[in-house]
């Protein structure tokens, strides 16, 4: 006897379950059970989860039947709010830790590196970081190295919007071709 189908009619034995797959299926099932006006809230919450992020949340929402623009906005906002919390808390933690230790003067070489990293590295890490790590992690690392929180928030916001838009367009295109 075959097991009952899960989301979108996929039988349980065909799914290779892992925590992220379980979470995605859970969000999709939850979206399907909610009234239309509440569905973007689930996409917003999914966007706040590391490894799902804005682009994954938007994809979940679109596959769940939400308008792509609404899904993208909700996912990106959820991702940005979570990253902003990480950045603000990380900056406070760093300030508390560095305040208690006497600061050693930086060598000329280290100072030059820090200046170049702060000027150009934040953009690169923010825009390309999502290929390797969740934005939450890259944002925490940037703030931990002393990058000003406003600069981190600006470039993380740009990255979240760009990646969410790109994945939204891809998913929407794939669905349009498949249907």
C-alpha atoms as a PDB file:
ATOM      1  CA  UNK A   1       0.000   0.000   0.000  1.00  0.00           C
ATOM      2  CA  UNK A   2       1.359   3.374  -1.020  1.00  0.00           C
ATOM      3  CA  UNK A   3       1.771   6.061   1.636  1.00  0.00           C
ATOM      4  CA  UNK A   4      -0.450   9.135   1.460  1.00  0.00           C
ATOM      5  CA  UNK A   5       0.813  11.976  -0.744  1.00  0.00           C
ATOM      6  CA  UNK A   6       2.366  15.070   0.793  1.00  0.00           C
ATOM      7  CA  UNK A   7       2.468  18.568  -0.651  1.00  0.00           C
ATOM      8  CA  UNK A   8       1.721  18.741  -4.356  1.00  0.00           C
ATOM      9  CA  UNK A   9       0.911  15.005  -4.523  1.00  0.00           C
ATOM     10  CA  UNK A  10       4.469  13.760  -3.933  1.00  0.00           C
ATOM     11  CA  UNK A  11       4.434  10.405  -2.096  1.00  0.00           C
ATOM     12  CA  UNK A  12       6.549  10.237   1.055  1.00  0.00           C
ATOM     13  CA  UNK A  13       8.835   7.488  -0.208  1.00  0.00           C
ATOM     14  CA  UNK A  14       9.899   9.653  -3.168  1.00  0.00           C
ATOM     15  CA  UNK A  15      11.108  12.492  -0.979  1.00  0.00           C
ATOM     16  CA  UNK A  16      14.650  12.620   0.326  1.00  0.00           C
ATOM     17  CA  UNK A  17      13.896  14.358   3.586  1.00  0.00           C
ATOM     18  CA  UNK A  18      16.259  16.771   5.221  1.00  0.00           C
ATOM     19  CA  UNK A  19      15.545  19.641   7.603  1.00  0.00           C
ATOM     20  CA  UNK A  20      15.453  22.305   4.878  1.00  0.00           C
ATOM     21  CA  UNK A  21      13.189  20.201   2.633  1.00  0.00           C
ATOM     22  CA  UNK A  22      10.895  19.553   5.599  1.00  0.00           C
ATOM     23  CA  UNK A  23      10.782  23.267   6.357  1.00  0.00           C
ATOM     24  CA  UNK A  24      10.012  24.202   2.745  1.00  0.00           C
ATOM     25  CA  UNK A  25       7.226  21.607   2.499  1.00  0.00           C
ATOM     26  CA  UNK A  26       5.883  22.828   5.820  1.00  0.00           C
ATOM     27  CA  UNK A  27       5.757  26.416   4.565  1.00  0.00           C
ATOM     28  CA  UNK A  28       4.080  25.332   1.300  1.00  0.00           C
ATOM     29  CA  UNK A  29       1.463  23.291   3.157  1.00  0.00           C
ATOM     30  CA  UNK A  30       0.835  26.175   5.543  1.00  0.00           C
ATOM     31  CA  UNK A  31       0.420  28.624   2.642  1.00  0.00           C
ATOM     32  CA  UNK A  32      -2.144  26.320   1.022  1.00  0.00           C
ATOM     33  CA  UNK A  33      -4.224  26.220   4.229  1.00  0.00           C
ATOM     34  CA  UNK A  34      -4.347  29.968   4.868  1.00  0.00           C
ATOM     35  CA  UNK A  35      -6.673  32.596   3.462  1.00  0.00           C
ATOM     36  CA  UNK A  36      -5.157  34.543   0.584  1.00  0.00           C
ATOM     37  CA  UNK A  37      -4.601  37.736   2.612  1.00  0.00           C
ATOM     38  CA  UNK A  38      -2.468  35.867   5.221  1.00  0.00           C
ATOM     39  CA  UNK A  39      -0.268  33.921   2.795  1.00  0.00           C
ATOM     40  CA  UNK A  40       2.381  36.677   2.378  1.00  0.00           C
ATOM     41  CA  UNK A  41       2.952  36.565   6.153  1.00  0.00           C
ATOM     42  CA  UNK A  42       4.206  32.986   5.828  1.00  0.00           C
ATOM     43  CA  UNK A  43       6.515  34.045   2.995  1.00  0.00           C
ATOM     44  CA  UNK A  44       7.772  36.896   5.223  1.00  0.00           C
ATOM     45  CA  UNK A  45       8.543  34.433   8.044  1.00  0.00           C
ATOM     46  CA  UNK A  46      10.208  32.008   5.610  1.00  0.00           C
ATOM     47  CA  UNK A  47      12.383  34.867   4.340  1.00  0.00           C
ATOM     48  CA  UNK A  48      13.751  35.359   7.846  1.00  0.00           C
ATOM     49  CA  UNK A  49      15.058  31.774   8.012  1.00  0.00           C
ATOM     50  CA  UNK A  50      18.759  31.292   7.146  1.00  0.00           C
ATOM     51  CA  UNK A  51      19.321  29.127   4.046  1.00  0.00           C
ATOM     52  CA  UNK A  52      15.777  29.868   2.815  1.00  0.00           C
ATOM     53  CA  UNK A  53      16.188  33.676   2.731  1.00  0.00           C
ATOM     54  CA  UNK A  54      14.235  36.077   0.527  1.00  0.00           C
ATOM     55  CA  UNK A  55      14.859  34.230  -2.712  1.00  0.00           C
ATOM     56  CA  UNK A  56      13.841  30.844  -1.311  1.00  0.00           C
ATOM     57  CA  UNK A  57      10.803  32.307   0.428  1.00  0.00           C
ATOM     58  CA  UNK A  58       9.661  34.037  -2.754  1.00  0.00           C
ATOM     59  CA  UNK A  59      10.067  30.761  -4.644  1.00  0.00           C
ATOM     60  CA  UNK A  60       8.043  28.904  -1.999  1.00  0.00           C
ATOM     61  CA  UNK A  61       5.316  31.546  -2.232  1.00  0.00           C
ATOM     62  CA  UNK A  62       5.212  31.522  -6.024  1.00  0.00           C
ATOM     63  CA  UNK A  63       5.044  27.721  -6.141  1.00  0.00           C
ATOM     64  CA  UNK A  64       2.333  27.953  -3.465  1.00  0.00           C
ATOM     65  CA  UNK A  65       0.284  30.190  -5.788  1.00  0.00           C
ATOM     66  CA  UNK A  66       1.041  33.697  -4.469  1.00  0.00           C
ATOM     67  CA  UNK A  67       1.482  36.566  -6.930  1.00  0.00           C
ATOM     68  CA  UNK A  68       5.241  36.724  -7.735  1.00  0.00           C
ATOM     69  CA  UNK A  69       5.565  40.440  -6.898  1.00  0.00           C
ATOM     70  CA  UNK A  70       3.874  39.997  -3.519  1.00  0.00           C
ATOM     71  CA  UNK A  71       5.923  36.863  -2.789  1.00  0.00           C
ATOM     72  CA  UNK A  72       9.178  38.651  -3.681  1.00  0.00           C
ATOM     73  CA  UNK A  73       8.388  41.692  -1.539  1.00  0.00           C
ATOM     74  CA  UNK A  74       7.302  39.569   1.447  1.00  0.00           C
ATOM     75  CA  UNK A  75      10.336  37.271   1.197  1.00  0.00           C
ATOM     76  CA  UNK A  76      12.827  40.118   0.785  1.00  0.00           C
ATOM     77  CA  UNK A  77      11.309  42.058   3.689  1.00  0.00           C
ATOM     78  CA  UNK A  78      11.434  39.020   5.965  1.00  0.00           C
ATOM     79  CA  UNK A  79      15.069  38.415   5.009  1.00  0.00           C
ATOM     80  CA  UNK A  80      16.024  42.071   5.533  1.00  0.00           C
ATOM     81  CA  UNK A  81      14.306  42.351   8.920  1.00  0.00           C
ATOM     82  CA  UNK A  82      16.163  39.250  10.165  1.00  0.00           C
ATOM     83  CA  UNK A  83      19.486  40.541   8.809  1.00  0.00           C
ATOM     84  CA  UNK A  84      18.863  43.965  10.384  1.00  0.00           C
ATOM     85  CA  UNK A  85      18.308  42.322  13.769  1.00  0.00           C
ATOM     86  CA  UNK A  86      21.548  40.333  13.369  1.00  0.00           C
ATOM     87  CA  UNK A  87      23.475  43.472  12.357  1.00  0.00           C
ATOM     88  CA  UNK A  88      22.131  45.619  15.196  1.00  0.00           C
ATOM     89  CA  UNK A  89      22.721  42.941  17.838  1.00  0.00           C
ATOM     90  CA  UNK A  90      26.131  42.083  16.376  1.00  0.00           C
ATOM     91  CA  UNK A  91      27.217  45.728  16.470  1.00  0.00           C
ATOM     92  CA  UNK A  92      26.194  45.993  20.126  1.00  0.00           C
ATOM     93  CA  UNK A  93      28.030  42.790  21.035  1.00  0.00           C
ATOM     94  CA  UNK A  94      31.153  43.934  19.196  1.00  0.00           C
ATOM     95  CA  UNK A  95      31.034  47.329  20.900  1.00  0.00           C
ATOM     96  CA  UNK A  96      30.736  45.687  24.326  1.00  0.00           C
ATOM     97  CA  UNK A  97      33.635  43.319  23.640  1.00  0.00           C
ATOM     98  CA  UNK A  98      35.974  45.923  22.179  1.00  0.00           C
ATOM     99  CA  UNK A  99      35.158  48.501  24.844  1.00  0.00           C
ATOM    100  CA  UNK A 100      36.518  46.298  27.620  1.00  0.00           C
ATOM    101  CA  UNK A 101      39.865  45.588  25.938  1.00  0.00           C
ATOM    102  CA  UNK A 102      42.615  48.150  25.429  1.00  0.00           C
ATOM    103  CA  UNK A 103      43.052  48.722  21.720  1.00  0.00           C
ATOM    104  CA  UNK A 104      46.426  48.003  20.181  1.00  0.00           C
ATOM    105  CA  UNK A 105      47.561  50.400  17.490  1.00  0.00           C
ATOM    106  CA  UNK A 106      47.128  48.839  14.060  1.00  0.00           C
ATOM    107  CA  UNK A 107      50.161  48.351  11.878  1.00  0.00           C
ATOM    108  CA  UNK A 108      50.325  50.370   8.670  1.00  0.00           C
ATOM    109  CA  UNK A 109      49.732  47.218   6.634  1.00  0.00           C
ATOM    110  CA  UNK A 110      46.688  46.157   8.686  1.00  0.00           C
ATOM    111  CA  UNK A 111      45.278  49.676   8.537  1.00  0.00           C
ATOM    112  CA  UNK A 112      45.648  49.722   4.744  1.00  0.00           C
ATOM    113  CA  UNK A 113      43.924  46.323   4.457  1.00  0.00           C
ATOM    114  CA  UNK A 114      41.058  47.389   6.721  1.00  0.00           C
ATOM    115  CA  UNK A 115      40.537  50.581   4.719  1.00  0.00           C
ATOM    116  CA  UNK A 116      40.439  48.686   1.404  1.00  0.00           C
ATOM    117  CA  UNK A 117      38.182  45.982   2.853  1.00  0.00           C
ATOM    118  CA  UNK A 118      35.762  48.546   4.246  1.00  0.00           C
ATOM    119  CA  UNK A 119      35.658  50.434   0.967  1.00  0.00           C
ATOM    120  CA  UNK A 120      35.351  47.552  -1.535  1.00  0.00           C
ATOM    121  CA  UNK A 121      35.017  44.312   0.350  1.00  0.00           C
ATOM    122  CA  UNK A 122      31.593  44.942   1.815  1.00  0.00           C
ATOM    123  CA  UNK A 123      30.056  45.208  -1.657  1.00  0.00           C
ATOM    124  CA  UNK A 124      31.692  42.010  -2.881  1.00  0.00           C
ATOM    125  CA  UNK A 125      30.906  40.025   0.268  1.00  0.00           C
ATOM    126  CA  UNK A 126      27.316  41.264   0.314  1.00  0.00           C
ATOM    127  CA  UNK A 127      26.572  40.648  -3.359  1.00  0.00           C
ATOM    128  CA  UNK A 128      28.439  37.355  -3.790  1.00  0.00           C
ATOM    129  CA  UNK A 129      28.145  36.000  -0.251  1.00  0.00           C
ATOM    130  CA  UNK A 130      24.664  34.490  -0.790  1.00  0.00           C
ATOM    131  CA  UNK A 131      26.235  32.017  -3.220  1.00  0.00           C
ATOM    132  CA  UNK A 132      28.096  30.466  -0.276  1.00  0.00           C
ATOM    133  CA  UNK A 133      26.433  31.502   2.989  1.00  0.00           C
ATOM    134  CA  UNK A 134      23.167  32.949   4.223  1.00  0.00           C
ATOM    135  CA  UNK A 135      23.049  36.745   4.380  1.00  0.00           C
ATOM    136  CA  UNK A 136      22.601  36.470   8.150  1.00  0.00           C
ATOM    137  CA  UNK A 137      26.066  34.917   8.464  1.00  0.00           C
ATOM    138  CA  UNK A 138      27.827  37.319   6.105  1.00  0.00           C
ATOM    139  CA  UNK A 139      26.198  40.308   7.805  1.00  0.00           C
ATOM    140  CA  UNK A 140      27.331  39.085  11.231  1.00  0.00           C
ATOM    141  CA  UNK A 141      30.868  38.527   9.931  1.00  0.00           C
ATOM    142  CA  UNK A 142      31.021  42.006   8.396  1.00  0.00           C
ATOM    143  CA  UNK A 143      29.821  43.706  11.573  1.00  0.00           C
ATOM    144  CA  UNK A 144      32.176  41.536  13.606  1.00  0.00           C
ATOM    145  CA  UNK A 145      35.143  42.882  11.652  1.00  0.00           C
ATOM    146  CA  UNK A 146      34.116  46.433  12.434  1.00  0.00           C
ATOM    147  CA  UNK A 147      32.303  47.458   9.257  1.00  0.00           C
ATOM    148  CA  UNK A 148      29.801  50.218  10.118  1.00  0.00           C
ATOM    149  CA  UNK A 149      26.298  48.811  10.504  1.00  0.00           C
ATOM    150  CA  UNK A 150      24.749  51.327   8.069  1.00  0.00           C
ATOM    151  CA  UNK A 151      27.128  50.176   5.319  1.00  0.00           C
ATOM    152  CA  UNK A 152      26.377  46.512   6.045  1.00  0.00           C
ATOM    153  CA  UNK A 153      22.615  47.128   6.038  1.00  0.00           C
ATOM    154  CA  UNK A 154      22.785  49.088   2.771  1.00  0.00           C
ATOM    155  CA  UNK A 155      24.701  46.420   0.858  1.00  0.00           C
ATOM    156  CA  UNK A 156      22.901  43.478   2.423  1.00  0.00           C
ATOM    157  CA  UNK A 157      19.621  45.167   1.436  1.00  0.00           C
ATOM    158  CA  UNK A 158      20.848  45.611  -2.142  1.00  0.00           C
ATOM    159  CA  UNK A 159      21.960  41.967  -2.272  1.00  0.00           C
ATOM    160  CA  UNK A 160      18.665  40.699  -0.845  1.00  0.00           C
ATOM    161  CA  UNK A 161      16.646  42.688  -3.398  1.00  0.00           C
ATOM    162  CA  UNK A 162      18.862  41.596  -6.313  1.00  0.00           C
ATOM    163  CA  UNK A 163      18.936  37.879  -5.415  1.00  0.00           C
ATOM    164  CA  UNK A 164      15.227  37.770  -4.573  1.00  0.00           C
ATOM    165  CA  UNK A 165      14.348  39.524  -7.843  1.00  0.00           C
ATOM    166  CA  UNK A 166      16.598  37.206  -9.858  1.00  0.00           C
ATOM    167  CA  UNK A 167      15.153  34.022  -8.348  1.00  0.00           C
ATOM    168  CA  UNK A 168      11.598  35.371  -8.624  1.00  0.00           C
ATOM    169  CA  UNK A 169      12.107  35.982 -12.347  1.00  0.00           C
ATOM    170  CA  UNK A 170      13.642  32.535 -12.836  1.00  0.00           C
ATOM    171  CA  UNK A 171      10.886  30.692 -10.930  1.00  0.00           C
ATOM    172  CA  UNK A 172       8.163  32.698 -12.675  1.00  0.00           C
ATOM    173  CA  UNK A 173       9.750  31.918 -16.059  1.00  0.00           C
ATOM    174  CA  UNK A 174      10.106  28.223 -15.286  1.00  0.00           C
ATOM    175  CA  UNK A 175       6.476  28.008 -14.186  1.00  0.00           C
ATOM    176  CA  UNK A 176       5.319  29.915 -17.296  1.00  0.00           C
ATOM    177  CA  UNK A 177       7.229  27.516 -19.564  1.00  0.00           C
ATOM    178  CA  UNK A 178       6.080  24.421 -17.662  1.00  0.00           C
ATOM    179  CA  UNK A 179       2.402  25.376 -17.719  1.00  0.00           C
END
